[in-house]
N, C-alpha and C. Protein backbone atom coordinates (compact mmCIF):
# COMPACT_ATOMS: atom_id res chain seq x y z
N UNK A 1 141.58 -78.88 335.70
CA UNK A 1 141.95 -77.57 335.15
C UNK A 1 143.27 -77.70 334.41
N UNK A 2 143.34 -77.23 333.15
CA UNK A 2 144.60 -77.31 332.39
C UNK A 2 145.72 -76.62 333.14
N UNK A 3 146.96 -77.05 332.87
CA UNK A 3 148.12 -76.52 333.58
C UNK A 3 148.26 -75.02 333.38
N UNK A 4 147.97 -74.49 332.17
CA UNK A 4 148.10 -73.07 331.89
C UNK A 4 147.10 -72.28 332.72
N UNK A 5 145.87 -72.81 332.85
CA UNK A 5 144.84 -72.12 333.63
C UNK A 5 145.20 -72.09 335.11
N UNK A 6 145.76 -73.23 335.61
CA UNK A 6 146.16 -73.27 337.02
C UNK A 6 147.25 -72.26 337.31
N UNK A 7 148.19 -72.12 336.37
CA UNK A 7 149.29 -71.17 336.55
C UNK A 7 148.78 -69.74 336.57
N UNK A 8 147.82 -69.44 335.68
CA UNK A 8 147.25 -68.09 335.63
C UNK A 8 146.49 -67.79 336.91
N UNK A 9 145.74 -68.79 337.42
CA UNK A 9 144.98 -68.58 338.65
C UNK A 9 145.91 -68.33 339.82
N UNK A 10 147.04 -69.03 339.84
CA UNK A 10 148.00 -68.84 340.93
C UNK A 10 148.58 -67.44 340.93
N UNK A 11 148.72 -66.83 339.74
CA UNK A 11 149.25 -65.48 339.65
C UNK A 11 148.22 -64.44 340.07
N UNK A 12 146.95 -64.69 339.71
CA UNK A 12 145.91 -63.71 339.97
C UNK A 12 145.41 -63.76 341.40
N UNK A 13 145.28 -64.95 341.99
CA UNK A 13 144.65 -65.12 343.29
C UNK A 13 145.22 -64.25 344.40
N UNK A 14 146.54 -64.11 344.52
CA UNK A 14 147.05 -63.29 345.62
C UNK A 14 146.60 -61.84 345.59
N UNK A 15 146.39 -61.29 344.39
CA UNK A 15 146.00 -59.89 344.28
C UNK A 15 144.57 -59.66 344.72
N UNK A 16 143.77 -60.77 344.86
CA UNK A 16 142.38 -60.64 345.24
C UNK A 16 142.18 -60.82 346.74
N UNK A 17 143.24 -61.16 347.46
CA UNK A 17 143.13 -61.42 348.88
C UNK A 17 142.90 -60.11 349.63
N UNK A 18 141.92 -60.12 350.54
CA UNK A 18 141.64 -58.94 351.34
C UNK A 18 142.45 -58.99 352.62
N UNK A 19 143.01 -57.86 353.02
CA UNK A 19 143.80 -57.79 354.23
C UNK A 19 142.99 -57.14 355.33
N UNK A 20 142.86 -57.82 356.45
CA UNK A 20 142.11 -57.28 357.58
C UNK A 20 142.90 -56.19 358.27
N UNK A 21 142.19 -55.31 358.98
CA UNK A 21 142.87 -54.27 359.74
C UNK A 21 143.72 -54.93 360.83
N UNK A 22 144.97 -54.54 360.96
CA UNK A 22 145.83 -55.14 361.96
C UNK A 22 145.26 -54.96 363.36
N UNK A 23 145.49 -55.97 364.23
CA UNK A 23 145.01 -55.91 365.60
C UNK A 23 145.56 -54.67 366.29
N UNK A 24 144.68 -53.94 366.99
CA UNK A 24 145.12 -52.76 367.72
C UNK A 24 145.23 -51.51 366.88
N UNK A 25 144.90 -51.62 365.59
CA UNK A 25 145.00 -50.46 364.70
C UNK A 25 143.70 -49.68 364.75
N UNK A 26 143.71 -48.48 365.25
CA UNK A 26 142.52 -47.65 365.31
C UNK A 26 142.26 -47.05 363.94
N UNK A 27 141.02 -46.53 363.73
CA UNK A 27 140.68 -45.91 362.45
C UNK A 27 141.60 -44.74 362.18
N UNK A 28 141.84 -43.89 363.21
CA UNK A 28 142.70 -42.72 363.02
C UNK A 28 144.11 -43.16 362.61
N UNK A 29 144.62 -44.21 363.25
CA UNK A 29 145.96 -44.67 362.92
C UNK A 29 146.03 -45.19 361.49
N UNK A 30 145.00 -45.97 361.10
CA UNK A 30 145.00 -46.54 359.76
C UNK A 30 144.91 -45.45 358.70
N UNK A 31 144.10 -44.40 358.96
CA UNK A 31 144.01 -43.31 358.00
C UNK A 31 145.31 -42.54 357.93
N UNK A 32 145.98 -42.38 359.06
CA UNK A 32 147.22 -41.60 359.06
C UNK A 32 148.31 -42.31 358.28
N UNK A 33 148.22 -43.65 358.20
CA UNK A 33 149.25 -44.35 357.45
C UNK A 33 149.13 -44.09 355.95
N UNK A 34 147.93 -43.67 355.51
CA UNK A 34 147.76 -43.34 354.09
C UNK A 34 148.70 -42.22 353.71
N UNK A 35 148.90 -41.28 354.64
CA UNK A 35 149.76 -40.14 354.36
C UNK A 35 151.19 -40.57 354.08
N UNK A 36 151.55 -41.74 354.57
CA UNK A 36 152.90 -42.22 354.33
C UNK A 36 153.13 -42.56 352.86
N UNK A 37 152.04 -42.65 352.08
CA UNK A 37 152.18 -42.92 350.65
C UNK A 37 152.83 -41.75 349.94
N UNK A 38 152.71 -40.57 350.49
CA UNK A 38 153.37 -39.39 349.91
C UNK A 38 154.12 -38.68 351.02
N UNK A 39 155.41 -38.49 350.86
CA UNK A 39 156.23 -37.94 351.95
C UNK A 39 155.92 -36.50 352.31
N UNK A 40 155.18 -35.77 351.46
CA UNK A 40 154.91 -34.37 351.75
C UNK A 40 153.60 -34.16 352.52
N UNK A 41 152.84 -35.23 352.75
CA UNK A 41 151.55 -35.12 353.42
C UNK A 41 151.71 -35.34 354.92
N UNK A 42 151.23 -34.36 355.68
CA UNK A 42 151.34 -34.41 357.13
C UNK A 42 150.26 -35.29 357.75
N UNK A 43 149.03 -35.16 357.23
CA UNK A 43 147.92 -35.98 357.71
C UNK A 43 146.83 -36.03 356.65
N UNK A 44 146.00 -37.05 356.74
CA UNK A 44 144.87 -37.17 355.83
C UNK A 44 143.62 -36.66 356.54
N UNK A 45 143.00 -35.63 355.97
CA UNK A 45 141.78 -35.08 356.55
C UNK A 45 140.54 -35.84 356.09
N UNK A 46 140.49 -36.13 354.79
CA UNK A 46 139.34 -36.81 354.21
C UNK A 46 139.81 -37.97 353.35
N UNK A 47 139.59 -39.20 353.79
CA UNK A 47 140.00 -40.35 353.00
C UNK A 47 139.14 -40.52 351.75
N UNK A 48 139.61 -41.30 350.83
CA UNK A 48 138.94 -41.52 349.56
C UNK A 48 137.49 -41.97 349.75
N UNK A 49 137.26 -42.88 350.70
CA UNK A 49 135.93 -43.45 350.89
C UNK A 49 134.94 -42.38 351.36
N UNK A 50 135.37 -41.48 352.23
CA UNK A 50 134.49 -40.42 352.72
C UNK A 50 134.12 -39.46 351.60
N UNK A 51 135.09 -39.12 350.76
CA UNK A 51 134.84 -38.23 349.63
C UNK A 51 133.85 -38.86 348.67
N UNK A 52 134.09 -40.11 348.34
CA UNK A 52 133.21 -40.81 347.39
C UNK A 52 131.77 -40.85 347.89
N UNK A 53 131.58 -41.15 349.17
CA UNK A 53 130.23 -41.24 349.72
C UNK A 53 129.52 -39.88 349.68
N UNK A 54 130.24 -38.82 350.03
CA UNK A 54 129.63 -37.49 350.05
C UNK A 54 129.34 -36.99 348.64
N UNK A 55 130.23 -37.24 347.70
CA UNK A 55 130.01 -36.82 346.31
C UNK A 55 128.79 -37.54 345.74
N UNK A 56 128.61 -38.80 346.07
CA UNK A 56 127.43 -39.53 345.60
C UNK A 56 126.15 -38.92 346.16
N UNK A 57 126.19 -38.52 347.44
CA UNK A 57 125.02 -37.86 348.04
C UNK A 57 124.70 -36.55 347.33
N UNK A 58 125.74 -35.75 347.10
CA UNK A 58 125.54 -34.48 346.42
C UNK A 58 124.99 -34.69 345.01
N UNK A 59 125.53 -35.67 344.31
CA UNK A 59 125.09 -35.95 342.95
C UNK A 59 123.60 -36.27 342.87
N UNK A 60 123.14 -37.11 343.79
CA UNK A 60 121.72 -37.47 343.81
C UNK A 60 120.84 -36.27 344.15
N UNK A 61 121.30 -35.45 345.09
CA UNK A 61 120.52 -34.27 345.48
C UNK A 61 120.42 -33.27 344.33
N UNK A 62 121.55 -33.03 343.67
CA UNK A 62 121.56 -32.08 342.55
C UNK A 62 120.74 -32.61 341.38
N UNK A 63 120.81 -33.91 341.12
CA UNK A 63 120.03 -34.50 340.03
C UNK A 63 118.54 -34.28 340.26
N UNK A 64 118.11 -34.40 341.50
CA UNK A 64 116.70 -34.18 341.82
C UNK A 64 116.33 -32.70 341.68
N UNK A 65 117.21 -31.82 342.15
CA UNK A 65 116.92 -30.38 342.10
C UNK A 65 116.91 -29.83 340.68
N UNK A 66 117.69 -30.44 339.78
CA UNK A 66 117.83 -29.94 338.41
C UNK A 66 117.18 -30.86 337.38
N UNK A 67 116.28 -31.70 337.83
CA UNK A 67 115.69 -32.72 336.95
C UNK A 67 115.04 -32.13 335.70
N UNK A 68 114.45 -30.94 335.82
CA UNK A 68 113.74 -30.34 334.68
C UNK A 68 114.32 -28.98 334.28
N UNK A 69 115.63 -28.77 334.56
CA UNK A 69 116.20 -27.44 334.35
C UNK A 69 117.30 -27.38 333.28
N UNK A 70 117.61 -28.45 332.62
CA UNK A 70 118.65 -28.46 331.58
C UNK A 70 119.89 -27.69 332.05
N UNK A 71 120.53 -28.13 333.11
CA UNK A 71 121.61 -27.34 333.71
C UNK A 71 122.88 -27.29 332.86
N UNK A 72 123.60 -26.19 332.99
CA UNK A 72 124.95 -26.08 332.47
C UNK A 72 125.88 -26.15 333.68
N UNK A 73 126.65 -27.21 333.77
CA UNK A 73 127.56 -27.40 334.89
C UNK A 73 128.93 -26.85 334.48
N UNK A 74 129.40 -25.85 335.19
CA UNK A 74 130.63 -25.17 334.81
C UNK A 74 131.68 -25.37 335.90
N UNK A 75 132.77 -26.04 335.54
CA UNK A 75 133.83 -26.31 336.49
C UNK A 75 134.96 -25.31 336.38
N UNK A 76 135.54 -24.93 337.51
CA UNK A 76 136.68 -24.02 337.50
C UNK A 76 137.97 -24.81 337.33
N UNK A 77 138.75 -24.40 336.34
CA UNK A 77 140.04 -25.05 336.07
C UNK A 77 141.12 -24.46 336.96
N UNK A 78 142.03 -25.35 337.46
CA UNK A 78 142.06 -26.77 337.21
C UNK A 78 141.56 -27.56 338.41
N UNK A 79 141.42 -26.86 339.54
CA UNK A 79 141.18 -27.54 340.80
C UNK A 79 139.91 -28.37 340.88
N UNK A 80 138.84 -27.94 340.19
CA UNK A 80 137.55 -28.62 340.33
C UNK A 80 137.36 -29.78 339.37
N UNK A 81 138.32 -30.06 338.51
CA UNK A 81 138.14 -31.06 337.45
C UNK A 81 137.84 -32.45 338.02
N UNK A 82 138.61 -32.88 339.00
CA UNK A 82 138.41 -34.22 339.57
C UNK A 82 137.05 -34.32 340.25
N UNK A 83 136.74 -33.33 341.08
CA UNK A 83 135.45 -33.29 341.77
C UNK A 83 134.29 -33.24 340.78
N UNK A 84 134.40 -32.40 339.76
CA UNK A 84 133.33 -32.25 338.79
C UNK A 84 133.09 -33.56 338.03
N UNK A 85 134.16 -34.24 337.65
CA UNK A 85 134.01 -35.49 336.90
C UNK A 85 133.25 -36.53 337.71
N UNK A 86 133.58 -36.65 338.99
CA UNK A 86 132.87 -37.61 339.84
C UNK A 86 131.45 -37.14 340.14
N UNK A 87 131.28 -35.84 340.30
CA UNK A 87 129.96 -35.30 340.65
C UNK A 87 128.94 -35.53 339.55
N UNK A 88 129.28 -35.23 338.30
CA UNK A 88 128.30 -35.37 337.22
C UNK A 88 127.96 -36.84 336.98
N UNK A 89 128.92 -37.72 337.23
CA UNK A 89 128.62 -39.15 337.08
C UNK A 89 127.75 -39.66 338.22
N UNK A 90 127.74 -38.92 339.33
CA UNK A 90 126.89 -39.30 340.46
C UNK A 90 125.48 -38.71 340.34
N UNK A 91 125.23 -37.88 339.34
CA UNK A 91 123.92 -37.30 339.14
C UNK A 91 123.00 -38.34 338.51
N UNK A 92 122.29 -39.06 339.35
CA UNK A 92 121.39 -40.12 338.91
C UNK A 92 119.98 -39.86 339.42
N UNK A 93 119.02 -39.91 338.48
CA UNK A 93 119.19 -40.02 337.03
C UNK A 93 119.72 -38.71 336.45
N UNK A 94 120.45 -38.77 335.35
CA UNK A 94 121.05 -37.55 334.78
C UNK A 94 119.96 -36.56 334.33
N UNK A 95 120.08 -35.32 334.71
CA UNK A 95 119.10 -34.33 334.24
C UNK A 95 119.14 -34.20 332.72
N UNK A 96 118.02 -34.28 332.04
CA UNK A 96 118.01 -34.11 330.58
C UNK A 96 118.58 -32.75 330.18
N UNK A 97 119.36 -32.74 329.11
CA UNK A 97 119.91 -31.50 328.59
C UNK A 97 121.13 -31.00 329.33
N UNK A 98 121.66 -31.78 330.27
CA UNK A 98 122.83 -31.36 331.02
C UNK A 98 124.02 -31.13 330.10
N UNK A 99 124.70 -29.99 330.27
CA UNK A 99 125.90 -29.67 329.49
C UNK A 99 127.05 -29.34 330.44
N UNK A 100 128.27 -29.56 329.96
CA UNK A 100 129.46 -29.29 330.75
C UNK A 100 130.29 -28.19 330.09
N UNK A 101 130.79 -27.30 330.91
CA UNK A 101 131.70 -26.26 330.42
C UNK A 101 132.76 -26.00 331.49
N UNK A 102 133.76 -25.21 331.12
CA UNK A 102 134.83 -24.88 332.06
C UNK A 102 135.16 -23.40 331.99
N UNK A 103 135.64 -22.89 333.12
CA UNK A 103 136.07 -21.51 333.21
C UNK A 103 137.41 -21.48 333.93
N UNK A 104 138.28 -20.60 333.47
CA UNK A 104 139.56 -20.39 334.16
C UNK A 104 139.39 -19.23 335.12
N UNK A 105 139.62 -19.50 336.39
CA UNK A 105 139.49 -18.45 337.40
C UNK A 105 140.50 -18.70 338.49
N UNK A 106 141.26 -17.68 338.83
CA UNK A 106 142.28 -17.87 339.85
C UNK A 106 142.57 -16.57 340.58
N UNK A 107 142.80 -16.72 341.89
CA UNK A 107 143.27 -15.59 342.68
C UNK A 107 144.51 -15.98 343.48
N UNK A 108 145.11 -17.13 343.07
CA UNK A 108 146.26 -17.65 343.80
C UNK A 108 147.56 -17.59 343.03
N UNK A 109 147.55 -18.13 341.77
CA UNK A 109 148.81 -18.33 341.06
C UNK A 109 149.58 -19.42 341.77
N UNK A 110 150.84 -19.18 342.10
CA UNK A 110 151.64 -20.16 342.83
C UNK A 110 151.71 -19.82 344.32
N UNK A 111 150.88 -18.86 344.76
CA UNK A 111 150.90 -18.45 346.16
C UNK A 111 150.02 -19.37 346.99
N UNK A 112 150.10 -19.21 348.32
CA UNK A 112 149.29 -20.02 349.22
C UNK A 112 148.10 -19.26 349.78
N UNK A 113 148.05 -17.96 349.53
CA UNK A 113 146.96 -17.12 350.03
C UNK A 113 146.34 -16.35 348.86
N UNK A 114 145.00 -16.28 348.84
CA UNK A 114 144.31 -15.57 347.77
C UNK A 114 144.72 -14.11 347.74
N UNK A 115 144.95 -13.62 346.51
CA UNK A 115 145.35 -12.22 346.35
C UNK A 115 144.15 -11.28 346.40
N UNK A 116 142.96 -11.84 346.20
CA UNK A 116 141.75 -11.01 346.18
C UNK A 116 141.41 -10.51 344.79
N UNK A 117 142.38 -10.57 343.86
CA UNK A 117 142.15 -10.18 342.47
C UNK A 117 141.92 -11.43 341.64
N UNK A 118 140.77 -11.49 340.96
CA UNK A 118 140.37 -12.71 340.25
C UNK A 118 140.56 -12.55 338.75
N UNK A 119 141.32 -13.46 338.15
CA UNK A 119 141.46 -13.53 336.70
C UNK A 119 140.45 -14.54 336.18
N UNK A 120 139.63 -14.14 335.22
CA UNK A 120 138.50 -14.96 334.77
C UNK A 120 138.46 -15.03 333.25
N UNK A 121 138.30 -16.24 332.71
CA UNK A 121 138.12 -16.40 331.26
C UNK A 121 137.39 -17.70 330.98
N UNK A 122 136.35 -17.64 330.13
CA UNK A 122 135.60 -18.83 329.74
C UNK A 122 136.42 -19.65 328.75
N UNK A 123 136.24 -20.97 328.81
CA UNK A 123 136.94 -21.86 327.90
C UNK A 123 136.08 -22.20 326.70
N UNK A 124 134.81 -22.54 326.93
CA UNK A 124 133.92 -22.94 325.85
C UNK A 124 133.02 -21.82 325.37
N UNK A 125 132.31 -22.05 324.25
CA UNK A 125 131.47 -21.01 323.64
C UNK A 125 130.01 -21.06 324.07
N UNK A 126 129.63 -21.91 325.02
CA UNK A 126 128.23 -22.09 325.38
C UNK A 126 127.58 -20.78 325.83
N UNK A 127 126.41 -20.49 325.26
CA UNK A 127 125.64 -19.32 325.64
C UNK A 127 124.80 -19.70 326.86
N UNK A 128 125.05 -19.05 327.99
CA UNK A 128 124.35 -19.44 329.21
C UNK A 128 123.12 -18.56 329.48
N UNK A 129 122.81 -17.66 328.57
CA UNK A 129 121.64 -16.80 328.75
C UNK A 129 120.37 -17.64 328.86
N UNK A 130 119.65 -17.45 329.94
CA UNK A 130 118.41 -18.19 330.14
C UNK A 130 118.61 -19.60 330.68
N UNK A 131 119.85 -20.01 330.92
CA UNK A 131 120.14 -21.36 331.40
C UNK A 131 120.36 -21.36 332.92
N UNK A 132 120.18 -22.53 333.48
CA UNK A 132 120.42 -22.72 334.92
C UNK A 132 121.85 -23.20 335.10
N UNK A 133 122.67 -22.36 335.70
CA UNK A 133 124.11 -22.62 335.82
C UNK A 133 124.43 -23.18 337.20
N UNK A 134 125.19 -24.26 337.21
CA UNK A 134 125.72 -24.81 338.45
C UNK A 134 127.23 -24.69 338.39
N UNK A 135 127.77 -23.83 339.22
CA UNK A 135 129.21 -23.59 339.26
C UNK A 135 129.87 -24.58 340.21
N UNK A 136 130.92 -25.23 339.75
CA UNK A 136 131.61 -26.25 340.56
C UNK A 136 132.98 -25.73 340.97
N UNK A 137 133.20 -25.64 342.28
CA UNK A 137 134.48 -25.20 342.84
C UNK A 137 135.11 -26.33 343.66
N UNK A 138 136.44 -26.33 343.72
CA UNK A 138 137.12 -27.29 344.59
C UNK A 138 137.07 -26.83 346.03
N UNK A 139 137.27 -25.52 346.27
CA UNK A 139 137.28 -24.99 347.62
C UNK A 139 136.88 -23.52 347.62
N UNK A 140 136.09 -23.13 348.61
CA UNK A 140 135.77 -21.72 348.82
C UNK A 140 136.60 -21.27 350.02
N UNK A 141 137.54 -20.38 349.76
CA UNK A 141 138.49 -19.93 350.77
C UNK A 141 138.10 -18.50 351.18
N UNK A 142 138.72 -17.50 350.58
CA UNK A 142 138.33 -16.12 350.87
C UNK A 142 136.93 -15.83 350.34
N UNK A 143 136.51 -16.56 349.30
CA UNK A 143 135.22 -16.35 348.67
C UNK A 143 135.27 -15.41 347.49
N UNK A 144 136.42 -14.78 347.25
CA UNK A 144 136.54 -13.78 346.18
C UNK A 144 136.30 -14.40 344.80
N UNK A 145 136.91 -15.55 344.54
CA UNK A 145 136.74 -16.19 343.24
C UNK A 145 135.30 -16.60 343.02
N UNK A 146 134.70 -17.24 344.01
CA UNK A 146 133.32 -17.70 343.87
C UNK A 146 132.36 -16.53 343.63
N UNK A 147 132.52 -15.46 344.38
CA UNK A 147 131.65 -14.29 344.21
C UNK A 147 131.80 -13.69 342.82
N UNK A 148 133.04 -13.58 342.34
CA UNK A 148 133.28 -13.04 341.01
C UNK A 148 132.61 -13.89 339.93
N UNK A 149 132.67 -15.21 340.09
CA UNK A 149 132.05 -16.11 339.12
C UNK A 149 130.53 -16.04 339.18
N UNK A 150 129.97 -16.04 340.37
CA UNK A 150 128.52 -15.96 340.51
C UNK A 150 127.99 -14.67 339.89
N UNK A 151 128.67 -13.57 340.14
CA UNK A 151 128.26 -12.28 339.57
C UNK A 151 128.41 -12.27 338.05
N UNK A 152 129.48 -12.89 337.56
CA UNK A 152 129.72 -12.92 336.11
C UNK A 152 128.59 -13.63 335.38
N UNK A 153 128.21 -14.80 335.86
CA UNK A 153 127.18 -15.58 335.16
C UNK A 153 125.79 -14.98 335.35
N UNK A 154 125.56 -14.38 336.50
CA UNK A 154 124.28 -13.71 336.70
C UNK A 154 124.14 -12.52 335.73
N UNK A 155 125.22 -11.76 335.58
CA UNK A 155 125.22 -10.62 334.67
C UNK A 155 125.08 -11.05 333.22
N UNK A 156 125.59 -12.26 332.91
CA UNK A 156 125.52 -12.78 331.54
C UNK A 156 124.13 -13.29 331.18
N UNK A 157 123.19 -13.24 332.13
CA UNK A 157 121.81 -13.58 331.80
C UNK A 157 121.36 -14.97 332.17
N UNK A 158 122.10 -15.65 333.04
CA UNK A 158 121.68 -16.99 333.45
C UNK A 158 120.34 -16.92 334.19
N UNK A 159 119.50 -17.94 334.01
CA UNK A 159 118.21 -17.99 334.71
C UNK A 159 118.42 -18.15 336.21
N UNK A 160 119.46 -18.88 336.57
CA UNK A 160 119.83 -19.03 337.97
C UNK A 160 121.30 -19.43 338.02
N UNK A 161 121.95 -19.11 339.11
CA UNK A 161 123.35 -19.49 339.30
C UNK A 161 123.52 -19.99 340.73
N UNK A 162 123.96 -21.22 340.86
CA UNK A 162 124.22 -21.79 342.18
C UNK A 162 125.63 -22.37 342.23
N UNK A 163 126.11 -22.53 343.44
CA UNK A 163 127.49 -22.95 343.66
C UNK A 163 127.54 -24.25 344.45
N UNK A 164 128.29 -25.21 343.94
CA UNK A 164 128.60 -26.42 344.68
C UNK A 164 130.11 -26.47 344.87
N UNK A 165 130.54 -26.69 346.10
CA UNK A 165 131.98 -26.74 346.38
C UNK A 165 132.29 -27.99 347.19
N UNK A 166 133.40 -28.62 346.86
CA UNK A 166 133.82 -29.79 347.62
C UNK A 166 134.16 -29.39 349.05
N UNK A 167 134.95 -28.30 349.20
CA UNK A 167 135.42 -27.87 350.51
C UNK A 167 135.07 -26.41 350.76
N UNK A 168 135.04 -26.04 352.04
CA UNK A 168 134.85 -24.65 352.42
C UNK A 168 135.66 -24.37 353.68
N UNK A 169 136.33 -23.21 353.69
CA UNK A 169 137.08 -22.75 354.87
C UNK A 169 136.42 -21.47 355.39
N UNK A 170 135.42 -21.59 356.23
CA UNK A 170 134.70 -20.40 356.72
C UNK A 170 135.61 -19.39 357.42
N UNK A 171 136.66 -19.88 358.08
CA UNK A 171 137.54 -18.98 358.82
C UNK A 171 138.30 -18.02 357.90
N UNK A 172 138.39 -18.35 356.62
CA UNK A 172 139.18 -17.56 355.69
C UNK A 172 138.36 -16.53 354.92
N UNK A 173 137.04 -16.46 355.12
CA UNK A 173 136.20 -15.57 354.32
C UNK A 173 136.58 -14.11 354.50
N UNK A 174 136.63 -13.42 353.37
CA UNK A 174 136.78 -11.96 353.38
C UNK A 174 135.55 -11.30 352.74
N UNK A 175 134.71 -12.13 352.11
CA UNK A 175 133.44 -11.66 351.55
C UNK A 175 132.35 -12.65 351.94
N UNK A 176 131.11 -12.22 351.83
CA UNK A 176 130.00 -13.11 352.17
C UNK A 176 129.75 -14.06 351.01
N UNK A 177 129.96 -15.34 351.26
CA UNK A 177 129.75 -16.34 350.21
C UNK A 177 129.66 -17.73 350.84
N UNK A 178 128.51 -18.35 350.69
CA UNK A 178 128.34 -19.71 351.18
C UNK A 178 127.81 -20.59 350.05
N UNK A 179 128.42 -21.75 349.82
CA UNK A 179 127.95 -22.64 348.75
C UNK A 179 126.51 -23.09 348.97
N UNK A 180 125.78 -23.24 347.88
CA UNK A 180 124.43 -23.78 347.96
C UNK A 180 124.48 -25.28 348.25
N UNK A 181 125.52 -25.93 347.76
CA UNK A 181 125.76 -27.35 348.03
C UNK A 181 127.22 -27.47 348.51
N UNK A 182 127.44 -28.20 349.58
CA UNK A 182 128.79 -28.30 350.15
C UNK A 182 129.15 -29.73 350.49
N UNK A 183 130.39 -30.09 350.13
CA UNK A 183 130.89 -31.40 350.51
C UNK A 183 131.29 -31.43 351.97
N UNK A 184 132.33 -30.65 352.32
CA UNK A 184 132.85 -30.66 353.68
C UNK A 184 133.37 -29.29 354.09
N UNK A 185 133.05 -28.83 355.30
CA UNK A 185 133.79 -27.69 355.86
C UNK A 185 135.11 -28.23 356.41
N UNK A 186 136.18 -27.46 356.25
CA UNK A 186 137.49 -27.90 356.75
C UNK A 186 138.14 -26.77 357.56
N UNK A 187 139.07 -27.16 358.41
CA UNK A 187 139.80 -26.19 359.21
C UNK A 187 140.76 -25.40 358.31
N UNK A 188 141.29 -24.33 358.88
CA UNK A 188 142.21 -23.47 358.14
C UNK A 188 143.60 -24.12 358.08
N UNK A 189 143.69 -25.14 357.24
CA UNK A 189 144.95 -25.84 357.00
C UNK A 189 145.19 -25.87 355.50
N UNK A 190 146.46 -25.99 355.10
CA UNK A 190 146.76 -26.01 353.66
C UNK A 190 146.53 -27.41 353.12
N UNK A 191 145.42 -27.57 352.39
CA UNK A 191 145.01 -28.89 351.93
C UNK A 191 145.29 -29.08 350.44
N UNK A 192 145.62 -30.31 350.09
CA UNK A 192 145.88 -30.68 348.70
C UNK A 192 145.27 -32.05 348.44
N UNK A 193 145.24 -32.42 347.16
CA UNK A 193 144.73 -33.72 346.77
C UNK A 193 143.34 -33.62 346.18
N UNK A 194 142.93 -34.65 345.45
CA UNK A 194 141.61 -34.72 344.81
C UNK A 194 141.35 -33.47 343.98
N UNK A 195 142.37 -33.06 343.24
CA UNK A 195 142.26 -31.89 342.37
C UNK A 195 142.92 -30.64 342.90
N UNK A 196 143.02 -30.51 344.23
CA UNK A 196 143.65 -29.34 344.83
C UNK A 196 145.17 -29.47 344.75
N UNK A 197 145.84 -28.33 344.53
CA UNK A 197 147.28 -28.39 344.31
C UNK A 197 148.02 -27.35 345.12
N UNK A 198 149.32 -27.49 345.10
CA UNK A 198 150.23 -26.40 345.44
C UNK A 198 151.27 -26.37 344.34
N UNK A 199 151.36 -25.27 343.60
CA UNK A 199 152.30 -25.13 342.48
C UNK A 199 152.17 -26.29 341.51
N UNK A 200 150.91 -26.68 341.22
CA UNK A 200 150.58 -27.72 340.23
C UNK A 200 150.92 -29.13 340.68
N UNK A 201 151.25 -29.34 341.92
CA UNK A 201 151.55 -30.67 342.41
C UNK A 201 150.41 -31.18 343.31
N UNK A 202 150.35 -32.50 343.48
CA UNK A 202 149.47 -33.21 344.42
C UNK A 202 148.02 -33.35 343.95
N UNK A 203 147.67 -32.88 342.76
CA UNK A 203 146.28 -32.96 342.31
C UNK A 203 145.79 -34.41 342.22
N UNK A 204 146.65 -35.34 341.91
CA UNK A 204 146.23 -36.72 341.66
C UNK A 204 146.07 -37.57 342.92
N UNK A 205 146.36 -37.02 344.08
CA UNK A 205 146.17 -37.80 345.31
C UNK A 205 144.68 -38.12 345.47
N UNK A 206 144.33 -39.33 345.85
CA UNK A 206 142.91 -39.72 345.93
C UNK A 206 142.20 -39.27 347.19
N UNK A 207 142.90 -38.58 348.07
CA UNK A 207 142.34 -38.11 349.34
C UNK A 207 142.66 -36.63 349.52
N UNK A 208 142.07 -36.00 350.53
CA UNK A 208 142.41 -34.62 350.90
C UNK A 208 143.38 -34.70 352.08
N UNK A 209 144.57 -34.16 351.87
CA UNK A 209 145.59 -34.21 352.92
C UNK A 209 146.14 -32.83 353.24
N UNK A 210 146.76 -32.73 354.39
CA UNK A 210 147.39 -31.48 354.82
C UNK A 210 148.85 -31.51 354.40
N UNK A 211 149.24 -30.47 353.68
CA UNK A 211 150.62 -30.38 353.19
C UNK A 211 151.54 -29.94 354.32
N UNK A 212 152.70 -30.58 354.40
CA UNK A 212 153.68 -30.19 355.42
C UNK A 212 154.13 -28.76 355.19
N UNK A 213 154.23 -27.94 356.25
CA UNK A 213 154.60 -26.53 356.09
C UNK A 213 155.93 -26.32 355.38
N UNK A 214 156.88 -27.20 355.58
CA UNK A 214 158.18 -27.02 354.93
C UNK A 214 158.12 -27.16 353.43
N UNK A 215 156.99 -27.68 352.90
CA UNK A 215 156.85 -27.84 351.47
C UNK A 215 156.40 -26.56 350.77
N UNK A 216 155.88 -25.61 351.53
CA UNK A 216 155.43 -24.35 350.91
C UNK A 216 155.91 -23.11 351.64
N UNK A 217 156.64 -23.27 352.74
CA UNK A 217 157.12 -22.10 353.49
C UNK A 217 158.15 -21.33 352.69
């Protein structure tokens, strides 16, 4: 092997080495250490691997259910963007005629509790009349936003409207609303990461974590 190639291999090889779980390290302990990557995270509820596996399952299920329906997948900005991007790529085989759109909908602002009043505005010009709409949410909390969106698209003439949400907090419901497709039910804790934020922070975390109370109190 030429000297230059040997030198390059020496630089690359260490980065490919796999590190075994330390002796005595339980799964819970190893997951909790992930939270140490960000000082504001109290604990990790859903690690990256669990999210990826569940999103792939949902993608395959939705692909089968919408195989002949030319769906319009509509994501709520900004929280559902990360989930939606992974979800549509997991739809195998891709439903023919699938289109993507976005809607701005919020009942939070910079607060930690839903106000119950939903601000709604479409981003794209797609006509959804007669189309099968799949609404993508990051989390169903009080249910007010999801209900407002479902009613909006139904009134606009969609052939069908269904909801897929990454997370759901049943304890927080103030209206009747259950996702047709669900990633994970979670406890009533303030969660961030994988698109979810507090005051526009933490969206890029690759896992779902619980935010320390002192960060939003």
